N, C-alpha and C. Protein backbone atom coordinates (compact mmCIF):
# COMPACT_ATOMS: atom_id res chain seq x y z
N UNK A 1 125.77 -66.94 -144.50
CA UNK A 1 126.48 -65.73 -144.30
C UNK A 1 126.17 -64.77 -145.50
N UNK A 2 125.87 -63.54 -145.18
CA UNK A 2 125.59 -62.54 -146.22
C UNK A 2 126.87 -61.89 -146.65
N UNK A 3 127.10 -61.86 -147.94
CA UNK A 3 128.26 -61.18 -148.49
C UNK A 3 128.05 -59.67 -148.54
N UNK A 4 129.14 -58.93 -148.33
CA UNK A 4 129.07 -57.45 -148.43
C UNK A 4 130.13 -57.03 -149.41
N UNK A 5 130.01 -55.85 -149.90
CA UNK A 5 131.08 -55.35 -150.81
C UNK A 5 132.03 -54.45 -150.04
N UNK A 6 133.13 -54.04 -150.69
CA UNK A 6 134.14 -53.28 -150.01
C UNK A 6 133.58 -51.98 -149.48
N UNK A 7 132.68 -51.31 -150.17
CA UNK A 7 132.14 -50.03 -149.72
C UNK A 7 131.31 -50.19 -148.44
N UNK A 8 130.66 -51.37 -148.29
CA UNK A 8 129.94 -51.64 -147.01
C UNK A 8 130.92 -51.69 -145.86
N UNK A 9 132.04 -52.39 -146.04
CA UNK A 9 133.05 -52.52 -145.02
C UNK A 9 133.66 -51.16 -144.64
N UNK A 10 133.87 -50.35 -145.65
CA UNK A 10 134.48 -49.06 -145.41
C UNK A 10 133.62 -48.14 -144.54
N UNK A 11 132.33 -48.42 -144.48
CA UNK A 11 131.43 -47.60 -143.65
C UNK A 11 131.60 -47.83 -142.16
N UNK A 12 132.11 -49.00 -141.81
CA UNK A 12 132.29 -49.38 -140.38
C UNK A 12 133.61 -48.78 -139.87
N UNK A 13 133.53 -47.92 -138.90
CA UNK A 13 134.70 -47.27 -138.27
C UNK A 13 135.19 -48.13 -137.09
N UNK A 14 136.07 -49.07 -137.41
CA UNK A 14 136.70 -49.88 -136.38
C UNK A 14 137.99 -49.21 -135.99
N UNK A 15 138.04 -48.74 -134.74
CA UNK A 15 139.18 -47.96 -134.27
C UNK A 15 139.76 -48.57 -132.98
N UNK A 16 141.05 -48.34 -132.79
CA UNK A 16 141.73 -48.76 -131.57
C UNK A 16 141.54 -47.70 -130.49
N UNK A 17 141.29 -48.10 -129.29
CA UNK A 17 141.21 -47.19 -128.15
C UNK A 17 141.79 -47.85 -126.90
N UNK A 18 142.12 -47.03 -125.94
CA UNK A 18 142.65 -47.49 -124.67
C UNK A 18 141.59 -47.31 -123.56
N UNK A 19 141.32 -48.37 -122.82
CA UNK A 19 140.38 -48.32 -121.73
C UNK A 19 140.97 -47.43 -120.64
N UNK A 20 140.23 -46.41 -120.21
CA UNK A 20 140.74 -45.49 -119.19
C UNK A 20 139.96 -45.61 -117.89
N UNK A 21 138.78 -46.20 -117.91
CA UNK A 21 137.98 -46.31 -116.71
C UNK A 21 137.01 -47.47 -116.86
N UNK A 22 136.82 -48.23 -115.76
CA UNK A 22 135.91 -49.37 -115.75
C UNK A 22 135.15 -49.32 -114.42
N UNK A 23 133.82 -49.33 -114.48
CA UNK A 23 133.00 -49.31 -113.28
C UNK A 23 131.98 -50.43 -113.32
N UNK A 24 131.55 -50.86 -112.15
CA UNK A 24 130.47 -51.80 -112.06
C UNK A 24 129.18 -51.25 -112.73
N UNK A 25 128.34 -52.13 -113.19
CA UNK A 25 127.09 -51.73 -113.85
C UNK A 25 125.97 -52.63 -113.25
N UNK A 26 125.60 -52.42 -111.99
CA UNK A 26 124.65 -53.30 -111.32
C UNK A 26 123.26 -53.24 -111.92
N UNK A 27 122.92 -52.19 -112.65
CA UNK A 27 121.59 -52.07 -113.25
C UNK A 27 121.44 -52.90 -114.53
N UNK A 28 122.54 -53.43 -115.08
CA UNK A 28 122.47 -54.19 -116.33
C UNK A 28 121.72 -55.48 -116.11
N UNK A 29 120.96 -55.91 -117.13
CA UNK A 29 120.26 -57.21 -117.07
C UNK A 29 121.19 -58.41 -117.06
N UNK A 30 122.27 -58.29 -117.86
CA UNK A 30 123.31 -59.31 -117.83
C UNK A 30 124.56 -58.69 -117.26
N UNK A 31 125.40 -59.46 -116.58
CA UNK A 31 126.59 -58.88 -115.96
C UNK A 31 127.41 -58.06 -116.98
N UNK A 32 127.76 -56.80 -116.61
CA UNK A 32 128.48 -55.94 -117.54
C UNK A 32 129.19 -54.90 -116.74
N UNK A 33 130.17 -54.27 -117.43
CA UNK A 33 130.84 -53.09 -116.92
C UNK A 33 130.46 -51.85 -117.67
N UNK A 34 130.58 -50.69 -117.02
CA UNK A 34 130.52 -49.40 -117.71
C UNK A 34 131.97 -49.05 -117.98
N UNK A 35 132.28 -48.82 -119.31
CA UNK A 35 133.65 -48.64 -119.71
C UNK A 35 133.80 -47.31 -120.44
N UNK A 36 134.89 -46.61 -120.16
CA UNK A 36 135.26 -45.39 -120.91
C UNK A 36 136.55 -45.67 -121.67
N UNK A 37 136.55 -45.30 -122.94
CA UNK A 37 137.65 -45.63 -123.87
C UNK A 37 138.15 -44.34 -124.56
N UNK A 38 139.43 -44.21 -124.57
CA UNK A 38 140.12 -43.07 -125.22
C UNK A 38 140.42 -43.50 -126.66
N UNK A 39 139.75 -42.92 -127.66
CA UNK A 39 139.98 -43.22 -129.07
C UNK A 39 140.82 -42.13 -129.76
N UNK A 40 141.58 -41.33 -129.00
CA UNK A 40 142.43 -40.36 -129.58
C UNK A 40 141.78 -39.03 -129.81
N UNK A 41 142.61 -38.09 -130.31
CA UNK A 41 142.17 -36.70 -130.48
C UNK A 41 140.97 -36.55 -131.40
N UNK A 42 140.95 -37.26 -132.56
CA UNK A 42 139.89 -37.08 -133.52
C UNK A 42 138.53 -37.52 -132.98
N UNK A 43 138.47 -38.60 -132.28
CA UNK A 43 137.20 -39.14 -131.77
C UNK A 43 136.92 -38.85 -130.34
N UNK A 44 137.95 -38.82 -129.52
CA UNK A 44 137.80 -38.51 -128.10
C UNK A 44 137.47 -39.72 -127.24
N UNK A 45 136.92 -39.43 -126.11
CA UNK A 45 136.59 -40.43 -125.12
C UNK A 45 135.10 -40.84 -125.33
N UNK A 46 134.90 -42.13 -125.39
CA UNK A 46 133.53 -42.68 -125.55
C UNK A 46 133.26 -43.64 -124.43
N UNK A 47 131.97 -43.81 -124.08
CA UNK A 47 131.58 -44.75 -123.07
C UNK A 47 130.73 -45.88 -123.68
N UNK A 48 130.75 -47.01 -123.00
CA UNK A 48 129.96 -48.12 -123.48
C UNK A 48 129.66 -49.06 -122.30
N UNK A 49 128.77 -49.96 -122.56
CA UNK A 49 128.50 -51.10 -121.67
C UNK A 49 129.12 -52.32 -122.31
N UNK A 50 129.83 -53.14 -121.52
CA UNK A 50 130.48 -54.31 -122.09
C UNK A 50 130.23 -55.51 -121.21
N UNK A 51 129.72 -56.59 -121.81
CA UNK A 51 129.44 -57.85 -121.11
C UNK A 51 130.70 -58.68 -121.13
N UNK A 52 131.76 -58.23 -120.40
CA UNK A 52 133.02 -58.90 -120.38
C UNK A 52 133.45 -59.30 -118.97
N UNK A 53 132.47 -59.42 -118.09
CA UNK A 53 132.80 -59.69 -116.68
C UNK A 53 133.25 -61.10 -116.45
N UNK A 54 132.92 -62.06 -117.29
CA UNK A 54 133.26 -63.47 -117.05
C UNK A 54 134.77 -63.72 -117.12
N UNK A 55 135.46 -63.00 -117.98
CA UNK A 55 136.93 -63.26 -118.20
C UNK A 55 137.80 -62.13 -117.76
N UNK A 56 137.26 -60.97 -117.46
CA UNK A 56 138.11 -59.81 -117.18
C UNK A 56 137.69 -59.14 -115.87
N UNK A 57 138.71 -58.79 -115.02
CA UNK A 57 138.46 -57.99 -113.85
C UNK A 57 138.65 -56.50 -114.18
N UNK A 58 137.96 -55.69 -113.45
CA UNK A 58 138.01 -54.21 -113.71
C UNK A 58 139.46 -53.69 -113.76
N UNK A 59 140.26 -54.03 -112.77
CA UNK A 59 141.59 -53.45 -112.67
C UNK A 59 142.55 -53.94 -113.77
N UNK A 60 142.30 -55.11 -114.36
CA UNK A 60 143.19 -55.57 -115.45
C UNK A 60 142.76 -54.97 -116.77
N UNK A 61 141.63 -54.32 -116.89
CA UNK A 61 141.18 -53.74 -118.15
C UNK A 61 141.72 -52.35 -118.39
N UNK A 62 141.91 -51.61 -117.32
CA UNK A 62 142.41 -50.21 -117.46
C UNK A 62 143.82 -50.25 -118.06
N UNK A 63 143.96 -49.46 -119.15
CA UNK A 63 145.24 -49.38 -119.85
C UNK A 63 145.37 -50.34 -121.02
N UNK A 64 144.39 -51.24 -121.20
CA UNK A 64 144.43 -52.18 -122.34
C UNK A 64 143.86 -51.56 -123.59
N UNK A 65 144.39 -51.86 -124.71
CA UNK A 65 143.82 -51.37 -125.98
C UNK A 65 142.78 -52.39 -126.43
N UNK A 66 141.72 -51.86 -127.07
CA UNK A 66 140.65 -52.67 -127.63
C UNK A 66 140.32 -52.16 -129.01
N UNK A 67 139.50 -52.91 -129.73
CA UNK A 67 138.98 -52.48 -131.03
C UNK A 67 137.51 -52.18 -130.85
N UNK A 68 137.06 -51.00 -131.27
CA UNK A 68 135.66 -50.62 -131.09
C UNK A 68 135.09 -50.03 -132.35
N UNK A 69 133.76 -50.19 -132.47
CA UNK A 69 133.07 -49.49 -133.59
C UNK A 69 132.61 -48.18 -133.05
N UNK A 70 133.02 -47.08 -133.69
CA UNK A 70 132.75 -45.74 -133.17
C UNK A 70 131.73 -44.95 -133.93
N UNK A 71 131.11 -45.55 -134.98
CA UNK A 71 130.14 -44.78 -135.74
C UNK A 71 128.75 -45.37 -135.75
N UNK A 72 128.41 -46.17 -134.73
CA UNK A 72 127.04 -46.50 -134.50
C UNK A 72 126.36 -45.34 -133.82
N UNK A 73 125.08 -45.14 -133.98
CA UNK A 73 124.39 -44.10 -133.20
C UNK A 73 124.40 -44.47 -131.76
N UNK A 74 124.37 -43.49 -130.85
CA UNK A 74 124.33 -43.77 -129.44
C UNK A 74 123.10 -44.67 -129.10
N UNK A 75 123.26 -45.50 -128.08
CA UNK A 75 122.19 -46.44 -127.69
C UNK A 75 122.07 -46.33 -126.16
N UNK A 76 120.82 -46.15 -125.69
CA UNK A 76 120.61 -46.09 -124.24
C UNK A 76 120.46 -47.49 -123.73
N UNK A 77 121.32 -47.86 -122.76
CA UNK A 77 121.28 -49.16 -122.14
C UNK A 77 121.08 -48.90 -120.63
N UNK A 78 119.82 -48.91 -120.22
CA UNK A 78 119.51 -48.51 -118.83
C UNK A 78 119.95 -47.11 -118.63
N UNK A 79 120.75 -46.84 -117.57
CA UNK A 79 121.21 -45.47 -117.30
C UNK A 79 122.46 -45.09 -118.10
N UNK A 80 122.98 -46.01 -118.90
CA UNK A 80 124.20 -45.73 -119.67
C UNK A 80 123.91 -45.43 -121.14
N UNK A 81 124.50 -44.33 -121.60
CA UNK A 81 124.40 -43.96 -122.99
C UNK A 81 125.62 -44.59 -123.73
N UNK A 82 125.43 -45.65 -124.43
CA UNK A 82 126.54 -46.37 -125.12
C UNK A 82 126.89 -45.62 -126.39
N UNK A 83 128.14 -45.17 -126.50
CA UNK A 83 128.63 -44.37 -127.62
C UNK A 83 129.54 -45.13 -128.54
N UNK A 84 129.84 -46.38 -128.25
CA UNK A 84 130.70 -47.21 -129.07
C UNK A 84 130.42 -48.67 -128.74
N UNK A 85 130.86 -49.54 -129.62
CA UNK A 85 130.74 -51.01 -129.39
C UNK A 85 132.10 -51.57 -129.23
N UNK A 86 132.38 -52.13 -128.08
CA UNK A 86 133.64 -52.81 -127.86
C UNK A 86 133.51 -54.20 -128.43
N UNK A 87 134.44 -54.54 -129.31
CA UNK A 87 134.31 -55.81 -130.05
C UNK A 87 134.97 -56.98 -129.32
N UNK A 88 134.41 -58.15 -129.58
CA UNK A 88 134.91 -59.37 -129.00
C UNK A 88 134.32 -60.61 -129.66
N UNK A 89 134.75 -61.73 -129.24
CA UNK A 89 134.32 -63.04 -129.79
C UNK A 89 133.68 -63.85 -128.64
N UNK A 90 132.54 -64.50 -128.99
CA UNK A 90 131.87 -65.35 -128.01
C UNK A 90 132.49 -66.72 -128.01
N UNK A 91 132.80 -67.23 -126.81
CA UNK A 91 133.24 -68.61 -126.67
C UNK A 91 132.02 -69.50 -126.60
N UNK A 92 132.22 -70.79 -126.64
CA UNK A 92 131.08 -71.73 -126.54
C UNK A 92 130.31 -71.58 -125.22
N UNK A 93 130.98 -71.19 -124.17
CA UNK A 93 130.34 -71.01 -122.90
C UNK A 93 129.65 -69.67 -122.73
N UNK A 94 129.69 -68.84 -123.79
CA UNK A 94 129.04 -67.55 -123.75
C UNK A 94 129.91 -66.37 -123.31
N UNK A 95 131.11 -66.67 -122.78
CA UNK A 95 132.03 -65.61 -122.35
C UNK A 95 132.58 -64.88 -123.55
N UNK A 96 132.83 -63.59 -123.39
CA UNK A 96 133.35 -62.76 -124.47
C UNK A 96 134.84 -62.57 -124.29
N UNK A 97 135.60 -62.83 -125.37
CA UNK A 97 137.02 -62.59 -125.44
C UNK A 97 137.22 -61.34 -126.27
N UNK A 98 137.89 -60.33 -125.73
CA UNK A 98 138.07 -59.04 -126.40
C UNK A 98 138.89 -59.20 -127.72
N UNK A 99 138.49 -58.41 -128.70
CA UNK A 99 139.30 -58.29 -129.94
C UNK A 99 140.27 -57.15 -129.67
N UNK A 100 141.55 -57.52 -129.73
CA UNK A 100 142.60 -56.50 -129.37
C UNK A 100 143.76 -56.57 -130.38
N UNK A 101 144.46 -55.44 -130.55
CA UNK A 101 145.67 -55.46 -131.37
C UNK A 101 146.77 -56.27 -130.60
N UNK A 102 147.60 -56.96 -131.32
CA UNK A 102 148.64 -57.74 -130.64
C UNK A 102 149.88 -56.93 -130.34
N UNK A 103 149.92 -55.65 -130.82
CA UNK A 103 150.98 -54.74 -130.47
C UNK A 103 150.36 -53.34 -130.30
N UNK A 104 151.04 -52.52 -129.55
CA UNK A 104 150.56 -51.13 -129.28
C UNK A 104 150.46 -50.35 -130.57
N UNK A 105 149.35 -49.64 -130.77
CA UNK A 105 149.17 -48.73 -131.91
C UNK A 105 148.56 -47.44 -131.36
N UNK A 106 148.60 -46.38 -132.12
CA UNK A 106 148.06 -45.10 -131.62
C UNK A 106 146.51 -45.18 -131.45
N UNK A 107 146.04 -44.60 -130.39
CA UNK A 107 144.60 -44.51 -130.19
C UNK A 107 143.97 -43.80 -131.40
N UNK A 108 142.90 -44.35 -131.89
CA UNK A 108 142.20 -43.82 -133.04
C UNK A 108 142.56 -44.47 -134.31
N UNK A 109 143.66 -45.31 -134.31
CA UNK A 109 144.07 -46.00 -135.55
C UNK A 109 142.88 -46.80 -136.07
N UNK A 110 142.67 -46.74 -137.40
CA UNK A 110 141.55 -47.40 -138.06
C UNK A 110 141.96 -48.75 -138.63
N UNK A 111 141.10 -49.70 -138.42
CA UNK A 111 141.27 -51.04 -139.00
C UNK A 111 140.85 -50.90 -140.48
N UNK A 112 141.65 -51.41 -141.34
CA UNK A 112 141.27 -51.27 -142.74
C UNK A 112 142.13 -52.10 -143.65
């Protein structure tokens, strides 16, 4: 594991957002959803591709808060322009468990 210093960590903008829309993403190489997340007034709504289909259904994701990285440069994933990274943890079976706050916080709140 590579050590980083505090200033390296401060560069990563980990923010809370609420999922407002989830759509199928049939063009993805691995099963994924197209997700739109509201990160509050300062950051706005961002879209992403998320490989979270193994554990989550589309309708149960809308309205959930997640933790996302909002300061990566946009990345083109097939027809989707990914504007944030929705964070999660890989289980041994490869399924992704979302990283989420355990209580409601304002959209855009920064992890720090």
